[in-house]
Amino acid sequence: MDKIKGHPESLGKKIQERNKKEKVWWKYTVSLVIFVIYLLPIYVLVVMSFKEKTDFSSRLLLPDYLYLDNYIKALKEGGFLNALKNTCFVTALTVGIIVILGCMAAYPLSRNRSRLNSIIKSICMGVMMIPSLSILVGVYTEIVSMNGVNCFWPVIVIGAAFGLPTAILLYSNFINSIPSSLDEAAALDGASPFKTFWHVILPQLKPVTATLVIQQGVGAWNNFVYPSYFLQKPAKYTLVLLIRQYFGTADSGSNLNGAAAVAILSTLPIVVLYIFMQKYFIQGQIDGAVK
């Protein structure tokens, strides 16, 4: 063991720091392995997007040429912009319904604590346990009878229906941590329950709202099962359905490189959204865990 010179107290601190570093080295190793596991698929996706369809070299090796036709064809010929517009429309309405109805339903459930409200919360939690695929046949039959195929509203309504229970529970738990004395003070000033909610409670819900916008937005953005059944025309395709189109059939073949380019372009809006809202997202996660 190397000799460590210095004051006895500083000597003890240095020894403790060295022992601590020796004990936590494995944590850094595990973190590095997890980082590589998450980063490797993204790296392969980026590499494939810059390669030609006929390039069968290793997907781990960077190409020695710059091939941008996959992105150009996706933007000009592949219908990416139309699919992006459809996806933004479906996602915005789905998240908007979840946030607006979720916070408005959570406020009376939190402030009026009764047996009925407890039952309603239990029902919301029970709905969260139902797999969306388990009711696909019944939902599809009803939507077909209502002429909803190739319309956006079934995807929006179904997505909002599955997202509302989570929103109601998150908002309820968050509102429970807000002192009810604020409501009483607003009532003494002559504010109605709606004004109290709008001016007093709603401004404090920014962290949990940002969390829901990101979570539910990513879910609606990547939703595949229900759009694949209800949005059958290419003009109605969302980004996920557009990516599926690149895989083709046994006769037409697949274009994995083009699919990789579209996947990269489809991921960018969500990444940008998270960058701008990560402060509120992290704060919402911390507040939800503490409160």
C-alpha atoms as a PDB file:
ATOM      1  CA  MET A   1       0.000   0.000   0.000  1.00  0.00           C
ATOM      2  CA  ASP A   2       1.377   3.414  -0.947  1.00  0.00           C
ATOM      3  CA  LYS A   3       2.346   5.679   1.894  1.00  0.00           C
ATOM      4  CA  ILE A   4       0.062   8.677   2.339  1.00  0.00           C
ATOM      5  CA  LYS A   5       1.694  11.592   4.089  1.00  0.00           C
ATOM      6  CA  GLY A   6      -0.202  14.269   5.986  1.00  0.00           C
ATOM      7  CA  HIS A   7      -2.153  15.053   9.103  1.00  0.00           C
ATOM      8  CA  PRO A   8      -3.781  12.017  10.806  1.00  0.00           C
ATOM      9  CA  GLU A   9      -7.306  13.429  10.181  1.00  0.00           C
ATOM     10  CA  SER A  10      -6.623  14.128   6.513  1.00  0.00           C
ATOM     11  CA  LEU A  11      -4.937  10.725   6.295  1.00  0.00           C
ATOM     12  CA  GLY A  12      -8.115   9.039   7.532  1.00  0.00           C
ATOM     13  CA  LYS A  13     -10.272  10.977   5.065  1.00  0.00           C
ATOM     14  CA  LYS A  14      -8.042  10.016   2.148  1.00  0.00           C
ATOM     15  CA  ILE A  15      -8.179   6.359   3.122  1.00  0.00           C
ATOM     16  CA  GLN A  16     -11.989   6.503   3.363  1.00  0.00           C
ATOM     17  CA  GLU A  17     -12.241   8.166  -0.046  1.00  0.00           C
ATOM     18  CA  ARG A  18      -9.974   5.512  -1.577  1.00  0.00           C
ATOM     19  CA  ASN A  19     -12.021   2.683  -0.040  1.00  0.00           C
ATOM     20  CA  LYS A  20     -15.222   4.326  -1.225  1.00  0.00           C
ATOM     21  CA  LYS A  21     -13.931   4.539  -4.794  1.00  0.00           C
ATOM     22  CA  GLU A  22     -12.863   0.905  -4.681  1.00  0.00           C
ATOM     23  CA  LYS A  23     -16.361  -0.137  -3.575  1.00  0.00           C
ATOM     24  CA  VAL A  24     -18.338   1.793  -6.219  1.00  0.00           C
ATOM     25  CA  TRP A  25     -16.272   0.932  -9.314  1.00  0.00           C
ATOM     26  CA  TRP A  26     -18.769  -1.740 -10.300  1.00  0.00           C
ATOM     27  CA  LYS A  27     -21.561   0.845 -10.375  1.00  0.00           C
ATOM     28  CA  TYR A  28     -19.741   2.779 -13.069  1.00  0.00           C
ATOM     29  CA  THR A  29     -19.208  -0.438 -15.001  1.00  0.00           C
ATOM     30  CA  VAL A  30     -22.897  -1.349 -14.846  1.00  0.00           C
ATOM     31  CA  SER A  31     -23.844   2.209 -15.843  1.00  0.00           C
ATOM     32  CA  LEU A  32     -21.532   2.024 -18.841  1.00  0.00           C
ATOM     33  CA  VAL A  33     -23.002  -1.321 -19.943  1.00  0.00           C
ATOM     34  CA  ILE A  34     -26.564   0.036 -19.656  1.00  0.00           C
ATOM     35  CA  PHE A  35     -25.560   3.158 -21.582  1.00  0.00           C
ATOM     36  CA  VAL A  36     -24.123   1.058 -24.407  1.00  0.00           C
ATOM     37  CA  ILE A  37     -27.216  -1.172 -24.512  1.00  0.00           C
ATOM     38  CA  TYR A  38     -29.469   1.871 -24.933  1.00  0.00           C
ATOM     39  CA  LEU A  39     -27.183   3.710 -27.327  1.00  0.00           C
ATOM     40  CA  LEU A  40     -26.346   0.811 -29.654  1.00  0.00           C
ATOM     41  CA  PRO A  41     -29.770   0.550 -31.384  1.00  0.00           C
ATOM     42  CA  ILE A  42     -29.785   4.319 -31.985  1.00  0.00           C
ATOM     43  CA  TYR A  43     -26.266   4.147 -33.390  1.00  0.00           C
ATOM     44  CA  VAL A  44     -27.211   1.282 -35.745  1.00  0.00           C
ATOM     45  CA  LEU A  45     -30.313   3.225 -36.836  1.00  0.00           C
ATOM     46  CA  VAL A  46     -28.272   6.310 -37.701  1.00  0.00           C
ATOM     47  CA  VAL A  47     -25.635   4.275 -39.559  1.00  0.00           C
ATOM     48  CA  MET A  48     -28.279   2.433 -41.618  1.00  0.00           C
ATOM     49  CA  SER A  49     -30.032   5.682 -42.550  1.00  0.00           C
ATOM     50  CA  PHE A  50     -26.874   6.949 -44.293  1.00  0.00           C
ATOM     51  CA  LYS A  51     -26.280   3.770 -46.298  1.00  0.00           C
ATOM     52  CA  GLU A  52     -27.637   2.667 -49.657  1.00  0.00           C
ATOM     53  CA  LYS A  53     -30.180  -0.108 -49.854  1.00  0.00           C
ATOM     54  CA  THR A  54     -27.673  -2.313 -51.639  1.00  0.00           C
ATOM     55  CA  ASP A  55     -24.970  -1.791 -49.004  1.00  0.00           C
ATOM     56  CA  PHE A  56     -24.705  -5.070 -47.088  1.00  0.00           C
ATOM     57  CA  SER A  57     -21.678  -4.141 -44.992  1.00  0.00           C
ATOM     58  CA  SER A  58     -21.744  -4.446 -41.216  1.00  0.00           C
ATOM     59  CA  ARG A  59     -24.321  -2.202 -39.592  1.00  0.00           C
ATOM     60  CA  LEU A  60     -21.789  -1.291 -36.920  1.00  0.00           C
ATOM     61  CA  LEU A  61     -19.361   0.242 -39.426  1.00  0.00           C
ATOM     62  CA  LEU A  62     -19.739   3.829 -40.557  1.00  0.00           C
ATOM     63  CA  PRO A  63     -20.038   4.226 -44.353  1.00  0.00           C
ATOM     64  CA  ASP A  64     -17.094   5.747 -46.222  1.00  0.00           C
ATOM     65  CA  TYR A  65     -19.546   7.883 -48.239  1.00  0.00           C
ATOM     66  CA  LEU A  66     -22.378  10.297 -47.425  1.00  0.00           C
ATOM     67  CA  TYR A  67     -25.724   9.057 -48.732  1.00  0.00           C
ATOM     68  CA  LEU A  68     -28.659  11.414 -48.087  1.00  0.00           C
ATOM     69  CA  ASP A  69     -31.168  10.005 -50.574  1.00  0.00           C
ATOM     70  CA  ASN A  70     -33.008   8.084 -47.832  1.00  0.00           C
ATOM     71  CA  TYR A  71     -33.871  11.368 -46.115  1.00  0.00           C
ATOM     72  CA  ILE A  72     -34.585  13.207 -49.373  1.00  0.00           C
ATOM     73  CA  LYS A  73     -36.954  10.504 -50.614  1.00  0.00           C
ATOM     74  CA  ALA A  74     -38.703  10.364 -47.234  1.00  0.00           C
ATOM     75  CA  LEU A  75     -39.323  14.123 -47.264  1.00  0.00           C
ATOM     76  CA  LYS A  76     -40.238  14.480 -50.950  1.00  0.00           C
ATOM     77  CA  GLU A  77     -41.686  11.164 -52.106  1.00  0.00           C
ATOM     78  CA  GLY A  78     -42.365   9.075 -49.009  1.00  0.00           C
ATOM     79  CA  GLY A  79     -45.256  11.095 -47.598  1.00  0.00           C
ATOM     80  CA  PHE A  80     -43.360  11.993 -44.437  1.00  0.00           C
ATOM     81  CA  LEU A  81     -44.716  15.522 -44.130  1.00  0.00           C
ATOM     82  CA  ASN A  82     -48.313  14.341 -44.482  1.00  0.00           C
ATOM     83  CA  ALA A  83     -47.755  11.579 -41.913  1.00  0.00           C
ATOM     84  CA  LEU A  84     -46.105  14.108 -39.594  1.00  0.00           C
ATOM     85  CA  LYS A  85     -49.128  16.400 -39.885  1.00  0.00           C
ATOM     86  CA  ASN A  86     -51.506  13.523 -39.120  1.00  0.00           C
ATOM     87  CA  THR A  87     -49.422  12.395 -36.147  1.00  0.00           C
ATOM     88  CA  CYS A  88     -49.210  15.906 -34.690  1.00  0.00           C
ATOM     89  CA  PHE A  89     -52.966  16.327 -35.077  1.00  0.00           C
ATOM     90  CA  VAL A  90     -53.807  13.025 -33.379  1.00  0.00           C
ATOM     91  CA  THR A  91     -51.229  13.518 -30.614  1.00  0.00           C
ATOM     92  CA  ALA A  92     -52.209  17.114 -29.849  1.00  0.00           C
ATOM     93  CA  LEU A  93     -55.922  16.344 -29.547  1.00  0.00           C
ATOM     94  CA  THR A  94     -55.345  13.162 -27.556  1.00  0.00           C
ATOM     95  CA  VAL A  95     -53.040  14.858 -25.057  1.00  0.00           C
ATOM     96  CA  GLY A  96     -55.264  17.938 -24.902  1.00  0.00           C
ATOM     97  CA  ILE A  97     -58.329  15.874 -23.976  1.00  0.00           C
ATOM     98  CA  ILE A  98     -56.358  13.893 -21.383  1.00  0.00           C
ATOM     99  CA  VAL A  99     -54.916  17.001 -19.711  1.00  0.00           C
ATOM    100  CA  ILE A 100     -58.082  19.127 -19.722  1.00  0.00           C
ATOM    101  CA  LEU A 101     -60.543  16.445 -18.609  1.00  0.00           C
ATOM    102  CA  GLY A 102     -57.998  14.825 -16.277  1.00  0.00           C
ATOM    103  CA  CYS A 103     -57.263  17.905 -14.185  1.00  0.00           C
ATOM    104  CA  MET A 104     -60.916  19.030 -14.120  1.00  0.00           C
ATOM    105  CA  ALA A 105     -62.063  15.594 -12.945  1.00  0.00           C
ATOM    106  CA  ALA A 106     -59.271  15.276 -10.384  1.00  0.00           C
ATOM    107  CA  TYR A 107     -60.073  18.542  -8.596  1.00  0.00           C
ATOM    108  CA  PRO A 108     -63.511  17.570  -7.184  1.00  0.00           C
ATOM    109  CA  LEU A 109     -62.297  14.032  -6.524  1.00  0.00           C
ATOM    110  CA  SER A 110     -59.480  15.407  -4.371  1.00  0.00           C
ATOM    111  CA  ARG A 111     -61.372  18.129  -2.550  1.00  0.00           C
ATOM    112  CA  ASN A 112     -64.621  16.218  -1.899  1.00  0.00           C
ATOM    113  CA  ARG A 113     -63.389  13.121  -0.146  1.00  0.00           C
ATOM    114  CA  SER A 114     -66.224  10.639   0.065  1.00  0.00           C
ATOM    115  CA  ARG A 115     -66.821   6.946  -0.369  1.00  0.00           C
ATOM    116  CA  LEU A 116     -68.158   7.512  -3.885  1.00  0.00           C
ATOM    117  CA  ASN A 117     -65.021   9.377  -4.917  1.00  0.00           C
ATOM    118  CA  SER A 118     -62.868   6.586  -3.504  1.00  0.00           C
ATOM    119  CA  ILE A 119     -64.830   4.090  -5.607  1.00  0.00           C
ATOM    120  CA  ILE A 120     -64.313   6.250  -8.694  1.00  0.00           C
ATOM    121  CA  LYS A 121     -60.557   6.324  -8.079  1.00  0.00           C
ATOM    122  CA  SER A 122     -60.556   2.554  -7.661  1.00  0.00           C
ATOM    123  CA  ILE A 123     -62.395   2.203 -10.963  1.00  0.00           C
ATOM    124  CA  CYS A 124     -59.789   4.431 -12.640  1.00  0.00           C
ATOM    125  CA  MET A 125     -57.039   2.239 -11.283  1.00  0.00           C
ATOM    126  CA  GLY A 126     -58.888  -0.860 -12.474  1.00  0.00           C
ATOM    127  CA  VAL A 127     -59.223   0.557 -15.990  1.00  0.00           C
ATOM    128  CA  MET A 128     -55.460   1.089 -16.043  1.00  0.00           C
ATOM    129  CA  MET A 129     -55.029  -2.658 -15.536  1.00  0.00           C
ATOM    130  CA  ILE A 130     -57.027  -3.551 -18.676  1.00  0.00           C
ATOM    131  CA  PRO A 131     -54.763  -4.316 -21.686  1.00  0.00           C
ATOM    132  CA  SER A 132     -55.797  -2.273 -24.701  1.00  0.00           C
ATOM    133  CA  LEU A 133     -55.594  -5.310 -26.996  1.00  0.00           C
ATOM    134  CA  SER A 134     -58.107  -7.245 -24.898  1.00  0.00           C
ATOM    135  CA  ILE A 135     -60.996  -5.052 -26.088  1.00  0.00           C
ATOM    136  CA  LEU A 136     -59.795  -4.570 -29.662  1.00  0.00           C
ATOM    137  CA  VAL A 137     -62.430  -6.802 -31.268  1.00  0.00           C
ATOM    138  CA  GLY A 138     -65.352  -5.144 -29.515  1.00  0.00           C
ATOM    139  CA  VAL A 139     -64.052  -1.625 -30.125  1.00  0.00           C
ATOM    140  CA  TYR A 140     -63.350  -2.345 -33.793  1.00  0.00           C
ATOM    141  CA  THR A 141     -66.854  -3.749 -34.289  1.00  0.00           C
ATOM    142  CA  GLU A 142     -68.453  -0.649 -32.769  1.00  0.00           C
ATOM    143  CA  ILE A 143     -66.283   1.761 -34.759  1.00  0.00           C
ATOM    144  CA  VAL A 144     -67.094  -0.033 -38.029  1.00  0.00           C
ATOM    145  CA  SER A 145     -70.819   0.199 -37.260  1.00  0.00           C
ATOM    146  CA  MET A 146     -70.348   3.954 -36.716  1.00  0.00           C
ATOM    147  CA  ASN A 147     -68.457   4.381 -40.033  1.00  0.00           C
ATOM    148  CA  GLY A 148     -65.335   5.463 -38.185  1.00  0.00           C
ATOM    149  CA  VAL A 149     -62.781   3.637 -40.338  1.00  0.00           C
ATOM    150  CA  ASN A 150     -60.283   6.018 -41.997  1.00  0.00           C
ATOM    151  CA  CYS A 151     -61.259   8.750 -39.538  1.00  0.00           C
ATOM    152  CA  PHE A 152     -59.010  10.243 -36.881  1.00  0.00           C
ATOM    153  CA  TRP A 153     -61.609  10.532 -34.134  1.00  0.00           C
ATOM    154  CA  PRO A 154     -61.620   6.819 -33.130  1.00  0.00           C
ATOM    155  CA  VAL A 155     -57.850   6.869 -32.551  1.00  0.00           C
ATOM    156  CA  ILE A 156     -58.121  10.111 -30.563  1.00  0.00           C
ATOM    157  CA  VAL A 157     -61.062   8.996 -28.430  1.00  0.00           C
ATOM    158  CA  ILE A 158     -59.592   5.572 -27.667  1.00  0.00           C
ATOM    159  CA  GLY A 159     -56.185   7.038 -26.839  1.00  0.00           C
ATOM    160  CA  ALA A 160     -57.764   9.603 -24.521  1.00  0.00           C
ATOM    161  CA  ALA A 161     -59.923   6.935 -22.863  1.00  0.00           C
ATOM    162  CA  PHE A 162     -56.894   4.847 -21.948  1.00  0.00           C
ATOM    163  CA  GLY A 163     -54.869   7.874 -20.837  1.00  0.00           C
ATOM    164  CA  LEU A 164     -57.498   9.570 -18.660  1.00  0.00           C
ATOM    165  CA  PRO A 165     -57.322   7.175 -15.659  1.00  0.00           C
ATOM    166  CA  THR A 166     -53.592   7.788 -15.297  1.00  0.00           C
ATOM    167  CA  ALA A 167     -54.084  11.537 -15.596  1.00  0.00           C
ATOM    168  CA  ILE A 168     -56.877  11.586 -13.015  1.00  0.00           C
ATOM    169  CA  LEU A 169     -54.838   9.641 -10.461  1.00  0.00           C
ATOM    170  CA  LEU A 170     -51.699  11.743 -10.977  1.00  0.00           C
ATOM    171  CA  TYR A 171     -53.593  15.015 -10.740  1.00  0.00           C
ATOM    172  CA  SER A 172     -55.550  13.798  -7.694  1.00  0.00           C
ATOM    173  CA  ASN A 173     -52.401  12.857  -5.789  1.00  0.00           C
ATOM    174  CA  PHE A 174     -50.798  16.170  -6.689  1.00  0.00           C
ATOM    175  CA  ILE A 175     -53.845  18.275  -5.713  1.00  0.00           C
ATOM    176  CA  ASN A 176     -54.029  16.436  -2.375  1.00  0.00           C
ATOM    177  CA  SER A 177     -50.677  17.994  -1.490  1.00  0.00           C
ATOM    178  CA  ILE A 178     -52.012  21.542  -2.103  1.00  0.00           C
ATOM    179  CA  PRO A 179     -53.479  22.996   1.133  1.00  0.00           C
ATOM    180  CA  SER A 180     -57.259  23.329   1.026  1.00  0.00           C
ATOM    181  CA  SER A 181     -56.870  26.623   2.887  1.00  0.00           C
ATOM    182  CA  LEU A 182     -56.100  28.206  -0.487  1.00  0.00           C
ATOM    183  CA  ASP A 183     -59.548  27.188  -1.711  1.00  0.00           C
ATOM    184  CA  GLU A 184     -61.157  28.594   1.425  1.00  0.00           C
ATOM    185  CA  ALA A 185     -59.315  31.893   1.059  1.00  0.00           C
ATOM    186  CA  ALA A 186     -60.429  32.169  -2.573  1.00  0.00           C
ATOM    187  CA  ALA A 187     -64.032  31.373  -1.565  1.00  0.00           C
ATOM    188  CA  LEU A 188     -63.923  34.167   1.070  1.00  0.00           C
ATOM    189  CA  ASP A 189     -62.856  36.560  -1.683  1.00  0.00           C
ATOM    190  CA  GLY A 190     -65.976  35.581  -3.630  1.00  0.00           C
ATOM    191  CA  ALA A 191     -64.382  33.215  -6.155  1.00  0.00           C
ATOM    192  CA  SER A 192     -66.513  30.391  -7.528  1.00  0.00           C
ATOM    193  CA  PRO A 193     -65.169  26.803  -7.528  1.00  0.00           C
ATOM    194  CA  PHE A 194     -64.329  27.136 -11.220  1.00  0.00           C
ATOM    195  CA  LYS A 195     -62.430  30.406 -10.699  1.00  0.00           C
ATOM    196  CA  THR A 196     -60.644  28.865  -7.720  1.00  0.00           C
ATOM    197  CA  PHE A 197     -59.555  25.945  -9.871  1.00  0.00           C
ATOM    198  CA  TRP A 198     -58.560  28.129 -12.822  1.00  0.00           C
ATOM    199  CA  HIS A 199     -56.643  30.850 -10.952  1.00  0.00           C
ATOM    200  CA  VAL A 200     -55.387  29.057  -7.825  1.00  0.00           C
ATOM    201  CA  ILE A 201     -55.030  25.328  -8.469  1.00  0.00           C
ATOM    202  CA  LEU A 202     -54.258  25.098 -12.190  1.00  0.00           C
ATOM    203  CA  PRO A 203     -51.102  27.297 -12.127  1.00  0.00           C
ATOM    204  CA  GLN A 204     -49.583  24.910  -9.557  1.00  0.00           C
ATOM    205  CA  LEU A 205     -50.123  21.867 -11.787  1.00  0.00           C
ATOM    206  CA  LYS A 206     -47.385  22.719 -14.310  1.00  0.00           C
ATOM    207  CA  PRO A 207     -44.915  19.983 -13.244  1.00  0.00           C
ATOM    208  CA  VAL A 208     -47.425  17.125 -13.352  1.00  0.00           C
ATOM    209  CA  THR A 209     -48.937  18.529 -16.563  1.00  0.00           C
ATOM    210  CA  ALA A 210     -45.519  18.511 -18.234  1.00  0.00           C
ATOM    211  CA  THR A 211     -45.013  14.932 -17.086  1.00  0.00           C
ATOM    212  CA  LEU A 212     -48.358  13.884 -18.574  1.00  0.00           C
ATOM    213  CA  VAL A 213     -47.738  15.768 -21.822  1.00  0.00           C
ATOM    214  CA  ILE A 214     -44.470  13.910 -22.363  1.00  0.00           C
ATOM    215  CA  GLN A 215     -45.689  10.480 -21.228  1.00  0.00           C
ATOM    216  CA  GLN A 216     -49.034  10.534 -23.004  1.00  0.00           C
ATOM    217  CA  GLY A 217     -47.592  12.408 -25.978  1.00  0.00           C
ATOM    218  CA  VAL A 218     -44.959   9.733 -26.563  1.00  0.00           C
ATOM    219  CA  GLY A 219     -47.634   7.047 -26.219  1.00  0.00           C
ATOM    220  CA  ALA A 220     -49.936   8.734 -28.739  1.00  0.00           C
ATOM    221  CA  TRP A 221     -47.015   9.478 -31.067  1.00  0.00           C
ATOM    222  CA  ASN A 222     -45.920   5.836 -31.108  1.00  0.00           C
ATOM    223  CA  ASN A 223     -49.395   4.290 -31.056  1.00  0.00           C
ATOM    224  CA  PHE A 224     -49.517   1.512 -33.622  1.00  0.00           C
ATOM    225  CA  VAL A 225     -52.245  -1.067 -32.932  1.00  0.00           C
ATOM    226  CA  TYR A 226     -55.423   1.008 -33.179  1.00  0.00           C
ATOM    227  CA  PRO A 227     -54.214   3.315 -36.003  1.00  0.00           C
ATOM    228  CA  SER A 228     -53.236   0.238 -38.042  1.00  0.00           C
ATOM    229  CA  TYR A 229     -56.866  -0.950 -37.894  1.00  0.00           C
ATOM    230  CA  PHE A 230     -58.686   2.371 -38.304  1.00  0.00           C
ATOM    231  CA  LEU A 231     -56.341   4.389 -40.568  1.00  0.00           C
ATOM    232  CA  GLN A 232     -56.097   2.210 -43.656  1.00  0.00           C
ATOM    233  CA  LYS A 233     -55.680   4.842 -46.391  1.00  0.00           C
ATOM    234  CA  PRO A 234     -52.111   6.085 -47.074  1.00  0.00           C
ATOM    235  CA  ALA A 235     -53.364   9.677 -46.839  1.00  0.00           C
ATOM    236  CA  LYS A 236     -54.378   8.983 -43.207  1.00  0.00           C
ATOM    237  CA  TYR A 237     -51.141   7.274 -42.187  1.00  0.00           C
ATOM    238  CA  THR A 238     -49.315   8.370 -39.073  1.00  0.00           C
ATOM    239  CA  LEU A 239     -45.532   8.152 -38.802  1.00  0.00           C
ATOM    240  CA  VAL A 240     -45.575   4.674 -37.285  1.00  0.00           C
ATOM    241  CA  LEU A 241     -47.725   3.361 -40.132  1.00  0.00           C
ATOM    242  CA  LEU A 242     -45.450   5.074 -42.644  1.00  0.00           C
ATOM    243  CA  ILE A 243     -42.438   3.251 -41.201  1.00  0.00           C
ATOM    244  CA  ARG A 244     -44.324  -0.044 -41.480  1.00  0.00           C
ATOM    245  CA  GLN A 245     -44.851   0.631 -45.172  1.00  0.00           C
ATOM    246  CA  TYR A 246     -41.090   0.486 -45.788  1.00  0.00           C
ATOM    247  CA  PHE A 247     -40.942  -3.135 -44.683  1.00  0.00           C
ATOM    248  CA  GLY A 248     -43.104  -4.126 -47.635  1.00  0.00           C
ATOM    249  CA  THR A 249     -44.071  -7.711 -48.427  1.00  0.00           C
ATOM    250  CA  ALA A 250     -42.330 -10.863 -49.569  1.00  0.00           C
ATOM    251  CA  ASP A 251     -42.849  -9.827 -53.208  1.00  0.00           C
ATOM    252  CA  SER A 252     -41.913  -6.148 -53.041  1.00  0.00           C
ATOM    253  CA  GLY A 253     -39.081  -6.501 -50.529  1.00  0.00           C
ATOM    254  CA  SER A 254     -38.110  -4.223 -47.693  1.00  0.00           C
ATOM    255  CA  ASN A 255     -36.214  -0.968 -47.515  1.00  0.00           C
ATOM    256  CA  LEU A 256     -34.687  -1.024 -44.041  1.00  0.00           C
ATOM    257  CA  ASN A 257     -32.434   1.924 -44.776  1.00  0.00           C
ATOM    258  CA  GLY A 258     -35.385   4.092 -45.775  1.00  0.00           C
ATOM    259  CA  ALA A 259     -37.264   2.938 -42.678  1.00  0.00           C
ATOM    260  CA  ALA A 260     -34.268   3.941 -40.544  1.00  0.00           C
ATOM    261  CA  ALA A 261     -34.248   7.439 -42.054  1.00  0.00           C
ATOM    262  CA  VAL A 262     -37.970   7.889 -41.413  1.00  0.00           C
ATOM    263  CA  ALA A 263     -37.540   6.578 -37.860  1.00  0.00           C
ATOM    264  CA  ILE A 264     -34.805   9.145 -37.196  1.00  0.00           C
ATOM    265  CA  LEU A 265     -36.963  11.968 -38.571  1.00  0.00           C
ATOM    266  CA  SER A 266     -39.940  10.741 -36.546  1.00  0.00           C
ATOM    267  CA  THR A 267     -37.939  10.728 -33.323  1.00  0.00           C
ATOM    268  CA  LEU A 268     -36.622  14.283 -33.584  1.00  0.00           C
ATOM    269  CA  PRO A 269     -39.858  16.141 -32.609  1.00  0.00           C
ATOM    270  CA  ILE A 270     -40.218  14.086 -29.412  1.00  0.00           C
ATOM    271  CA  VAL A 271     -36.564  14.667 -28.508  1.00  0.00           C
ATOM    272  CA  VAL A 272     -36.954  18.416 -29.035  1.00  0.00           C
ATOM    273  CA  LEU A 273     -40.119  18.429 -26.912  1.00  0.00           C
ATOM    274  CA  TYR A 274     -38.343  16.658 -24.082  1.00  0.00           C
ATOM    275  CA  ILE A 275     -35.383  19.064 -24.234  1.00  0.00           C
ATOM    276  CA  PHE A 276     -37.678  22.060 -23.781  1.00  0.00           C
ATOM    277  CA  MET A 277     -39.823  20.426 -21.075  1.00  0.00           C
ATOM    278  CA  GLN A 278     -37.284  18.327 -19.193  1.00  0.00           C
ATOM    279  CA  LYS A 279     -37.145  20.799 -16.273  1.00  0.00           C
ATOM    280  CA  TYR A 280     -40.871  20.426 -15.645  1.00  0.00           C
ATOM    281  CA  PHE A 281     -40.738  16.690 -16.329  1.00  0.00           C
ATOM    282  CA  ILE A 282     -38.020  16.080 -13.729  1.00  0.00           C
ATOM    283  CA  GLN A 283     -39.774  18.361 -11.238  1.00  0.00           C
ATOM    284  CA  GLY A 284     -43.032  16.482 -11.786  1.00  0.00           C
ATOM    285  CA  GLN A 285     -41.325  13.140 -11.180  1.00  0.00           C
ATOM    286  CA  ILE A 286     -39.746  14.430  -7.948  1.00  0.00           C
ATOM    287  CA  ASP A 287     -42.961  16.001  -6.675  1.00  0.00           C
ATOM    288  CA  GLY A 288     -44.942  12.876  -7.534  1.00  0.00           C
ATOM    289  CA  ALA A 289     -42.505  10.693  -5.608  1.00  0.00           C
ATOM    290  CA  VAL A 290     -42.347  12.988  -2.556  1.00  0.00           C
ATOM    291  CA  LYS A 291     -45.972  14.054  -2.327  1.00  0.00           C
END
